[in-house]
Amino acid sequence: MLFKAIRMKKEVLIDYRSRSEPKGKSRLVTPFAIANDGLRWHCRAYCHIRKRFSDFNLGRIMKLELKGKSNINFQQDNNWFTFAEIKIGPHPELTQEEQTLVLNDFGHDKPFRIRTRAALVDYTLQYYRIAKYPAEVSGKTFPLVVLNSDDIKEYYFPEV
């Protein structure tokens, strides 16, 4: 039904469970894209309650009901239509041998880049277990780190 709503540019009333509403809450959304973060499927949609574009984990949608036509302009979702480049390298506290090993695990011999939609930056970091800020974590736990956090931190999820 989400694909139908996307195709027809319709609003959808969903019952959605989240960390802030684990029992669920009804939300009126206008979906426009489906994306996979490597672990889960998400629907990118405009949330009429929060008045912003957000991601909705498909596994947390409990019920959906097709509603009327939407006039939301999806081109206004800057984080969806902007691409970010994540520069990734080994954690600096690792030995040179460990750094080489970690890079080789990902098919590289030097720091590398991943290009993704800005809205998917945090999901990409979670999927690959990449630390945003090396000083805050151990290299043993997070052997890869973001090398350009200052450039892309505006795309990180807000800290709760």
N, C-alpha and C. Protein backbone atom coordinates (compact mmCIF):
# COMPACT_ATOMS: atom_id res chain seq x y z
N MET A 1 0.81 -1.19 0.00
CA MET A 1 0.00 0.00 0.00
C MET A 1 0.86 1.27 0.00
N LEU A 2 2.05 1.20 0.60
CA LEU A 2 2.94 2.37 0.57
C LEU A 2 3.36 2.70 -0.85
N PHE A 3 3.64 1.67 -1.64
CA PHE A 3 4.03 1.93 -3.03
C PHE A 3 2.89 2.60 -3.79
N LYS A 4 1.69 2.18 -3.52
CA LYS A 4 0.53 2.79 -4.15
C LYS A 4 0.41 4.26 -3.73
N ALA A 5 0.59 4.54 -2.45
CA ALA A 5 0.54 5.92 -1.95
C ALA A 5 1.62 6.77 -2.60
N ILE A 6 2.81 6.22 -2.75
CA ILE A 6 3.91 6.95 -3.38
C ILE A 6 3.57 7.25 -4.83
N ARG A 7 3.13 6.22 -5.56
CA ARG A 7 2.78 6.39 -6.97
C ARG A 7 1.67 7.42 -7.18
N MET A 8 0.68 7.39 -6.29
CA MET A 8 -0.49 8.25 -6.45
C MET A 8 -0.38 9.57 -5.68
N LYS A 9 0.77 9.79 -4.98
CA LYS A 9 1.01 11.00 -4.18
C LYS A 9 -0.12 11.21 -3.18
N LYS A 10 -0.38 10.16 -2.41
CA LYS A 10 -1.45 10.18 -1.42
C LYS A 10 -0.87 10.24 0.00
N GLU A 11 -1.68 10.78 0.89
CA GLU A 11 -1.37 10.75 2.31
C GLU A 11 -1.76 9.38 2.86
N VAL A 12 -1.08 8.98 3.95
CA VAL A 12 -1.36 7.70 4.59
C VAL A 12 -1.45 7.93 6.09
N LEU A 13 -2.48 7.40 6.71
CA LEU A 13 -2.60 7.42 8.16
C LEU A 13 -1.98 6.13 8.67
N ILE A 14 -0.95 6.27 9.50
CA ILE A 14 -0.27 5.08 10.02
C ILE A 14 -0.34 5.05 11.54
N ASP A 15 -0.33 3.87 12.10
CA ASP A 15 -0.09 3.68 13.52
C ASP A 15 1.38 3.28 13.59
N TYR A 16 2.18 4.11 14.25
CA TYR A 16 3.62 3.94 14.23
C TYR A 16 4.18 3.88 15.64
N ARG A 17 5.00 2.85 15.88
CA ARG A 17 5.69 2.72 17.17
C ARG A 17 7.09 3.30 17.04
N SER A 18 7.52 4.03 18.05
CA SER A 18 8.85 4.62 18.06
C SER A 18 9.39 4.55 19.49
N ARG A 19 10.62 4.96 19.66
CA ARG A 19 11.19 4.96 21.02
C ARG A 19 10.43 5.93 21.92
N SER A 20 10.01 7.05 21.36
CA SER A 20 9.27 8.01 22.18
C SER A 20 7.81 7.60 22.37
N GLU A 21 7.28 6.74 21.51
CA GLU A 21 5.89 6.24 21.60
C GLU A 21 5.88 4.72 21.35
N PRO A 22 6.45 3.93 22.29
CA PRO A 22 6.57 2.48 22.05
C PRO A 22 5.24 1.75 21.88
N LYS A 23 4.16 2.31 22.40
CA LYS A 23 2.85 1.68 22.23
C LYS A 23 2.22 2.07 20.90
N GLY A 24 2.75 3.09 20.29
CA GLY A 24 2.26 3.51 18.98
C GLY A 24 1.48 4.80 19.05
N LYS A 25 1.48 5.49 17.92
CA LYS A 25 0.77 6.76 17.79
C LYS A 25 0.34 6.90 16.33
N SER A 26 -0.85 7.42 16.11
CA SER A 26 -1.31 7.66 14.74
C SER A 26 -0.61 8.88 14.18
N ARG A 27 -0.18 8.75 12.94
CA ARG A 27 0.49 9.86 12.26
C ARG A 27 -0.02 9.93 10.83
N LEU A 28 -0.21 11.12 10.35
CA LEU A 28 -0.54 11.32 8.96
C LEU A 28 0.76 11.65 8.24
N VAL A 29 1.11 10.85 7.25
CA VAL A 29 2.36 11.04 6.52
C VAL A 29 2.09 11.01 5.02
N THR A 30 3.00 11.61 4.28
CA THR A 30 2.97 11.52 2.82
C THR A 30 4.29 10.88 2.40
N PRO A 31 4.26 9.60 2.05
CA PRO A 31 5.49 8.90 1.68
C PRO A 31 5.92 9.22 0.25
N PHE A 32 7.24 9.20 0.02
CA PHE A 32 7.71 9.40 -1.35
C PHE A 32 8.89 8.53 -1.75
N ALA A 33 9.47 7.79 -0.81
CA ALA A 33 10.60 6.91 -1.16
C ALA A 33 10.70 5.78 -0.14
N ILE A 34 11.28 4.68 -0.60
CA ILE A 34 11.59 3.53 0.26
C ILE A 34 13.10 3.33 0.16
N ALA A 35 13.74 3.12 1.31
CA ALA A 35 15.19 2.94 1.32
C ALA A 35 15.57 1.85 2.32
N ASN A 36 16.69 1.21 2.06
CA ASN A 36 17.22 0.20 2.96
C ASN A 36 18.53 0.71 3.54
N ASP A 37 18.70 0.57 4.85
CA ASP A 37 19.93 1.04 5.49
C ASP A 37 20.94 -0.07 5.67
N GLY A 38 20.68 -1.22 5.08
CA GLY A 38 21.56 -2.37 5.24
C GLY A 38 20.99 -3.36 6.24
N LEU A 39 20.18 -2.88 7.17
CA LEU A 39 19.57 -3.73 8.18
C LEU A 39 18.05 -3.71 8.13
N ARG A 40 17.49 -2.53 7.84
CA ARG A 40 16.04 -2.36 7.87
C ARG A 40 15.58 -1.56 6.65
N TRP A 41 14.28 -1.68 6.37
CA TRP A 41 13.66 -0.88 5.33
C TRP A 41 12.97 0.32 5.97
N HIS A 42 13.07 1.46 5.32
CA HIS A 42 12.48 2.70 5.80
C HIS A 42 11.66 3.34 4.70
N CYS A 43 10.68 4.10 5.14
CA CYS A 43 9.89 4.92 4.24
C CYS A 43 10.27 6.37 4.52
N ARG A 44 10.66 7.09 3.50
CA ARG A 44 10.93 8.52 3.65
C ARG A 44 9.62 9.23 3.38
N ALA A 45 9.20 10.07 4.30
CA ALA A 45 7.89 10.69 4.19
C ALA A 45 7.86 12.04 4.88
N TYR A 46 6.88 12.84 4.48
CA TYR A 46 6.60 14.08 5.20
C TYR A 46 5.63 13.74 6.31
N CYS A 47 5.98 14.10 7.55
CA CYS A 47 5.11 13.87 8.70
C CYS A 47 4.32 15.14 8.95
N HIS A 48 3.02 15.03 8.80
CA HIS A 48 2.15 16.20 8.95
C HIS A 48 2.03 16.63 10.42
N ILE A 49 2.32 15.76 11.36
CA ILE A 49 2.27 16.12 12.78
C ILE A 49 3.50 16.95 13.15
N ARG A 50 4.68 16.44 12.79
CA ARG A 50 5.92 17.15 13.13
C ARG A 50 6.28 18.24 12.13
N LYS A 51 5.60 18.23 11.00
CA LYS A 51 5.82 19.22 9.94
C LYS A 51 7.27 19.20 9.45
N ARG A 52 7.73 17.97 9.18
CA ARG A 52 9.09 17.79 8.65
C ARG A 52 9.19 16.44 7.96
N PHE A 53 10.24 16.29 7.16
CA PHE A 53 10.51 15.02 6.50
C PHE A 53 11.23 14.12 7.50
N SER A 54 10.84 12.85 7.53
CA SER A 54 11.41 11.89 8.47
C SER A 54 11.46 10.51 7.84
N ASP A 55 12.17 9.63 8.52
CA ASP A 55 12.24 8.22 8.12
C ASP A 55 11.35 7.42 9.05
N PHE A 56 10.64 6.46 8.49
CA PHE A 56 9.77 5.58 9.27
C PHE A 56 10.18 4.14 8.98
N ASN A 57 10.62 3.45 10.02
CA ASN A 57 11.01 2.05 9.92
C ASN A 57 9.77 1.24 9.56
N LEU A 58 9.83 0.52 8.45
CA LEU A 58 8.64 -0.23 8.01
C LEU A 58 8.18 -1.26 9.03
N GLY A 59 9.11 -1.82 9.78
CA GLY A 59 8.76 -2.82 10.79
C GLY A 59 8.00 -2.24 11.98
N ARG A 60 7.97 -0.92 12.09
CA ARG A 60 7.27 -0.27 13.20
C ARG A 60 5.90 0.28 12.80
N ILE A 61 5.56 0.15 11.53
CA ILE A 61 4.23 0.58 11.07
C ILE A 61 3.26 -0.56 11.35
N MET A 62 2.31 -0.29 12.21
CA MET A 62 1.37 -1.33 12.64
C MET A 62 0.11 -1.37 11.77
N LYS A 63 -0.29 -0.25 11.25
CA LYS A 63 -1.50 -0.18 10.45
C LYS A 63 -1.35 0.99 9.49
N LEU A 64 -1.91 0.87 8.29
CA LEU A 64 -1.91 2.00 7.39
C LEU A 64 -3.21 2.08 6.61
N GLU A 65 -3.60 3.31 6.36
CA GLU A 65 -4.86 3.57 5.67
C GLU A 65 -4.62 4.69 4.67
N LEU A 66 -4.93 4.40 3.41
CA LEU A 66 -4.76 5.38 2.35
C LEU A 66 -5.75 6.52 2.53
N LYS A 67 -5.26 7.74 2.37
CA LYS A 67 -6.10 8.94 2.53
C LYS A 67 -6.10 9.73 1.23
N GLY A 68 -6.34 11.03 1.32
CA GLY A 68 -6.48 11.88 0.14
C GLY A 68 -5.17 12.26 -0.52
N LYS A 69 -5.32 12.96 -1.61
CA LYS A 69 -4.19 13.45 -2.40
C LYS A 69 -3.37 14.44 -1.57
N SER A 70 -2.07 14.43 -1.77
CA SER A 70 -1.17 15.33 -1.04
C SER A 70 -0.60 16.38 -1.99
N ASN A 71 -0.31 17.54 -1.44
CA ASN A 71 0.33 18.58 -2.24
C ASN A 71 1.75 18.88 -1.73
N ILE A 72 2.32 17.94 -0.99
CA ILE A 72 3.68 18.12 -0.46
C ILE A 72 4.68 18.11 -1.62
N ASN A 73 5.60 19.05 -1.59
CA ASN A 73 6.66 19.13 -2.59
C ASN A 73 7.89 18.40 -2.03
N PHE A 74 8.14 17.20 -2.51
CA PHE A 74 9.24 16.39 -1.99
C PHE A 74 10.61 17.00 -2.28
N GLN A 75 10.69 17.87 -3.26
CA GLN A 75 11.97 18.51 -3.58
C GLN A 75 12.46 19.38 -2.42
N GLN A 76 11.58 19.68 -1.47
CA GLN A 76 11.97 20.48 -0.30
C GLN A 76 12.69 19.65 0.76
N ASP A 77 12.74 18.34 0.57
CA ASP A 77 13.45 17.48 1.52
C ASP A 77 14.94 17.52 1.19
N ASN A 78 15.61 18.55 1.69
CA ASN A 78 17.03 18.75 1.37
C ASN A 78 17.91 17.57 1.76
N ASN A 79 17.63 16.93 2.89
CA ASN A 79 18.47 15.81 3.31
C ASN A 79 18.31 14.59 2.43
N TRP A 80 17.22 14.48 1.72
CA TRP A 80 17.05 13.35 0.80
C TRP A 80 17.75 13.62 -0.52
N PHE A 81 17.67 14.85 -0.99
CA PHE A 81 18.21 15.18 -2.31
C PHE A 81 19.65 15.69 -2.27
N THR A 82 20.21 15.80 -1.07
CA THR A 82 21.62 16.16 -0.91
C THR A 82 22.41 14.89 -0.67
N PHE A 83 23.56 14.78 -1.29
CA PHE A 83 24.45 13.64 -1.06
C PHE A 83 25.64 14.10 -0.22
N ALA A 84 26.00 13.25 0.71
CA ALA A 84 27.12 13.54 1.61
C ALA A 84 28.23 12.52 1.37
N GLU A 85 29.44 12.98 1.52
CA GLU A 85 30.59 12.10 1.39
C GLU A 85 31.19 11.88 2.77
N ILE A 86 31.20 10.63 3.21
CA ILE A 86 31.76 10.28 4.51
C ILE A 86 33.19 9.80 4.28
N LYS A 87 34.15 10.50 4.91
CA LYS A 87 35.55 10.08 4.82
C LYS A 87 35.82 9.18 6.02
N ILE A 88 36.33 7.99 5.73
CA ILE A 88 36.49 6.95 6.75
C ILE A 88 37.94 6.50 6.83
N GLY A 89 38.40 6.33 8.05
CA GLY A 89 39.75 5.83 8.26
C GLY A 89 39.80 4.99 9.51
N PRO A 90 40.96 4.40 9.78
CA PRO A 90 41.10 3.58 10.98
C PRO A 90 41.19 4.47 12.22
N HIS A 91 40.78 3.92 13.34
CA HIS A 91 40.86 4.65 14.61
C HIS A 91 42.33 4.96 14.89
N PRO A 92 42.65 6.20 15.26
CA PRO A 92 44.05 6.58 15.45
C PRO A 92 44.76 5.87 16.61
N GLU A 93 44.02 5.29 17.55
CA GLU A 93 44.70 4.63 18.66
C GLU A 93 45.18 3.23 18.29
N LEU A 94 44.76 2.71 17.13
CA LEU A 94 45.23 1.39 16.68
C LEU A 94 46.67 1.48 16.21
N THR A 95 47.38 0.37 16.34
CA THR A 95 48.75 0.32 15.82
C THR A 95 48.70 0.39 14.30
N GLN A 96 49.83 0.67 13.69
CA GLN A 96 49.90 0.74 12.23
C GLN A 96 49.46 -0.59 11.60
N GLU A 97 49.87 -1.69 12.20
CA GLU A 97 49.49 -3.01 11.68
C GLU A 97 47.98 -3.22 11.79
N GLU A 98 47.39 -2.80 12.92
CA GLU A 98 45.94 -2.94 13.10
C GLU A 98 45.19 -2.04 12.11
N GLN A 99 45.69 -0.84 11.90
CA GLN A 99 45.06 0.07 10.95
C GLN A 99 45.05 -0.51 9.55
N THR A 100 46.19 -1.09 9.14
CA THR A 100 46.28 -1.72 7.83
C THR A 100 45.30 -2.88 7.72
N LEU A 101 45.24 -3.68 8.75
CA LEU A 101 44.33 -4.82 8.78
C LEU A 101 42.87 -4.38 8.65
N VAL A 102 42.48 -3.37 9.41
CA VAL A 102 41.10 -2.88 9.39
C VAL A 102 40.75 -2.33 8.00
N LEU A 103 41.64 -1.56 7.43
CA LEU A 103 41.39 -1.03 6.08
C LEU A 103 41.27 -2.17 5.07
N ASN A 104 42.14 -3.17 5.18
CA ASN A 104 42.08 -4.33 4.29
C ASN A 104 40.76 -5.09 4.43
N ASP A 105 40.21 -5.13 5.65
CA ASP A 105 38.92 -5.79 5.86
C ASP A 105 37.84 -5.18 4.98
N PHE A 106 37.99 -3.90 4.66
CA PHE A 106 37.00 -3.20 3.84
C PHE A 106 37.49 -2.98 2.41
N GLY A 107 38.56 -3.70 2.03
CA GLY A 107 39.04 -3.65 0.65
C GLY A 107 39.85 -2.40 0.31
N HIS A 108 40.44 -1.76 1.30
CA HIS A 108 41.19 -0.53 1.05
C HIS A 108 42.57 -0.61 1.70
N ASP A 109 43.48 0.20 1.17
CA ASP A 109 44.81 0.27 1.77
C ASP A 109 45.09 1.67 2.33
N LYS A 110 44.10 2.55 2.21
CA LYS A 110 44.21 3.90 2.78
C LYS A 110 42.79 4.37 3.10
N PRO A 111 42.66 5.48 3.84
CA PRO A 111 41.31 5.97 4.14
C PRO A 111 40.47 6.06 2.87
N PHE A 112 39.16 5.85 3.02
CA PHE A 112 38.27 5.80 1.86
C PHE A 112 37.02 6.61 2.11
N ARG A 113 36.17 6.69 1.11
CA ARG A 113 34.95 7.49 1.18
C ARG A 113 33.73 6.66 0.81
N ILE A 114 32.63 7.00 1.44
CA ILE A 114 31.33 6.43 1.07
C ILE A 114 30.42 7.62 0.78
N ARG A 115 29.75 7.57 -0.35
CA ARG A 115 28.81 8.63 -0.72
C ARG A 115 27.39 8.10 -0.50
N THR A 116 26.59 8.88 0.23
CA THR A 116 25.22 8.46 0.52
C THR A 116 24.33 9.70 0.63
N ARG A 117 23.04 9.46 0.61
CA ARG A 117 22.10 10.57 0.84
C ARG A 117 22.33 11.09 2.25
N ALA A 118 22.23 12.40 2.41
CA ALA A 118 22.44 13.01 3.73
C ALA A 118 21.49 12.40 4.77
N ALA A 119 20.27 12.08 4.36
CA ALA A 119 19.29 11.49 5.29
C ALA A 119 19.72 10.11 5.76
N LEU A 120 20.65 9.47 5.07
CA LEU A 120 21.07 8.11 5.41
C LEU A 120 22.45 8.05 6.05
N VAL A 121 23.06 9.19 6.33
CA VAL A 121 24.42 9.21 6.90
C VAL A 121 24.49 8.40 8.19
N ASP A 122 23.63 8.68 9.15
CA ASP A 122 23.69 7.97 10.43
C ASP A 122 23.44 6.48 10.27
N TYR A 123 22.50 6.13 9.40
CA TYR A 123 22.24 4.70 9.16
C TYR A 123 23.48 4.02 8.59
N THR A 124 24.18 4.69 7.70
CA THR A 124 25.40 4.14 7.10
C THR A 124 26.46 3.92 8.17
N LEU A 125 26.61 4.90 9.06
CA LEU A 125 27.60 4.76 10.14
C LEU A 125 27.24 3.62 11.08
N GLN A 126 25.95 3.47 11.37
CA GLN A 126 25.50 2.37 12.23
C GLN A 126 25.76 1.02 11.56
N TYR A 127 25.45 0.93 10.30
CA TYR A 127 25.59 -0.34 9.58
C TYR A 127 27.05 -0.82 9.58
N TYR A 128 27.97 0.09 9.32
CA TYR A 128 29.38 -0.28 9.26
C TYR A 128 30.10 -0.14 10.60
N ARG A 129 29.35 0.27 11.64
CA ARG A 129 29.93 0.47 12.98
C ARG A 129 31.11 1.44 12.92
N ILE A 130 30.85 2.60 12.38
CA ILE A 130 31.86 3.65 12.25
C ILE A 130 31.58 4.71 13.32
N ALA A 131 32.61 5.06 14.08
CA ALA A 131 32.46 6.07 15.14
C ALA A 131 32.49 7.48 14.55
N LYS A 132 31.60 8.32 15.05
CA LYS A 132 31.56 9.71 14.60
C LYS A 132 32.75 10.50 15.15
N TYR A 133 33.07 10.23 16.42
CA TYR A 133 34.11 11.00 17.12
C TYR A 133 35.08 10.03 17.80
N PRO A 134 36.27 9.83 17.24
CA PRO A 134 37.22 8.84 17.77
C PRO A 134 37.61 9.04 19.22
N ALA A 135 37.66 10.28 19.68
CA ALA A 135 38.09 10.54 21.06
C ALA A 135 37.09 10.00 22.08
N GLU A 136 35.87 9.71 21.64
CA GLU A 136 34.82 9.26 22.56
C GLU A 136 34.68 7.75 22.65
N VAL A 137 35.41 7.02 21.81
CA VAL A 137 35.27 5.56 21.77
C VAL A 137 36.62 4.88 21.65
N SER A 138 36.60 3.60 21.97
CA SER A 138 37.81 2.79 21.86
C SER A 138 37.99 2.28 20.42
N GLY A 139 39.22 2.24 19.99
CA GLY A 139 39.55 1.69 18.67
C GLY A 139 39.28 0.20 18.58
N LYS A 140 39.27 -0.48 19.71
CA LYS A 140 38.97 -1.91 19.72
C LYS A 140 37.48 -2.14 19.45
N THR A 141 36.64 -1.24 19.96
CA THR A 141 35.20 -1.35 19.76
C THR A 141 34.78 -0.78 18.40
N PHE A 142 35.37 0.34 18.02
CA PHE A 142 35.08 1.01 16.75
C PHE A 142 36.38 1.22 15.98
N PRO A 143 36.80 0.20 15.22
CA PRO A 143 38.08 0.33 14.52
C PRO A 143 38.06 1.35 13.36
N LEU A 144 36.86 1.71 12.88
CA LEU A 144 36.75 2.72 11.83
C LEU A 144 36.12 3.99 12.40
N VAL A 145 36.59 5.14 11.90
CA VAL A 145 36.08 6.43 12.38
C VAL A 145 35.83 7.36 11.20
N VAL A 146 34.93 8.32 11.43
CA VAL A 146 34.68 9.37 10.45
C VAL A 146 35.82 10.37 10.55
N LEU A 147 36.39 10.72 9.41
CA LEU A 147 37.50 11.67 9.39
C LEU A 147 37.04 13.10 9.10
N ASN A 148 35.79 13.26 8.69
CA ASN A 148 35.28 14.60 8.34
C ASN A 148 33.98 14.93 9.09
N SER A 149 33.93 14.60 10.36
CA SER A 149 32.72 14.85 11.15
C SER A 149 32.28 16.31 11.10
N ASP A 150 33.22 17.23 11.12
CA ASP A 150 32.83 18.64 11.09
C ASP A 150 32.08 18.99 9.81
N ASP A 151 32.41 18.33 8.72
CA ASP A 151 31.76 18.61 7.43
C ASP A 151 30.36 18.01 7.32
N ILE A 152 30.10 16.92 8.03
CA ILE A 152 28.81 16.22 7.84
C ILE A 152 27.97 16.13 9.11
N LYS A 153 28.42 16.73 10.21
CA LYS A 153 27.69 16.59 11.47
C LYS A 153 26.27 17.14 11.41
N GLU A 154 25.98 18.03 10.48
CA GLU A 154 24.61 18.54 10.35
C GLU A 154 23.65 17.43 9.92
N TYR A 155 24.17 16.32 9.40
CA TYR A 155 23.33 15.21 8.95
C TYR A 155 23.20 14.12 10.02
N TYR A 156 23.93 14.24 11.12
CA TYR A 156 23.81 13.27 12.20
C TYR A 156 22.46 13.42 12.89
N PHE A 157 21.95 12.30 13.39
CA PHE A 157 20.72 12.36 14.17
C PHE A 157 20.96 13.21 15.39
N PRO A 158 19.96 13.96 15.84
CA PRO A 158 20.15 14.74 17.07
C PRO A 158 20.36 13.81 18.26
N GLU A 159 21.22 14.21 19.18
CA GLU A 159 21.46 13.42 20.38
C GLU A 159 20.24 13.52 21.27
N VAL A 160 19.85 12.38 21.84
CA VAL A 160 18.65 12.35 22.68
C VAL A 160 19.00 12.58 24.12
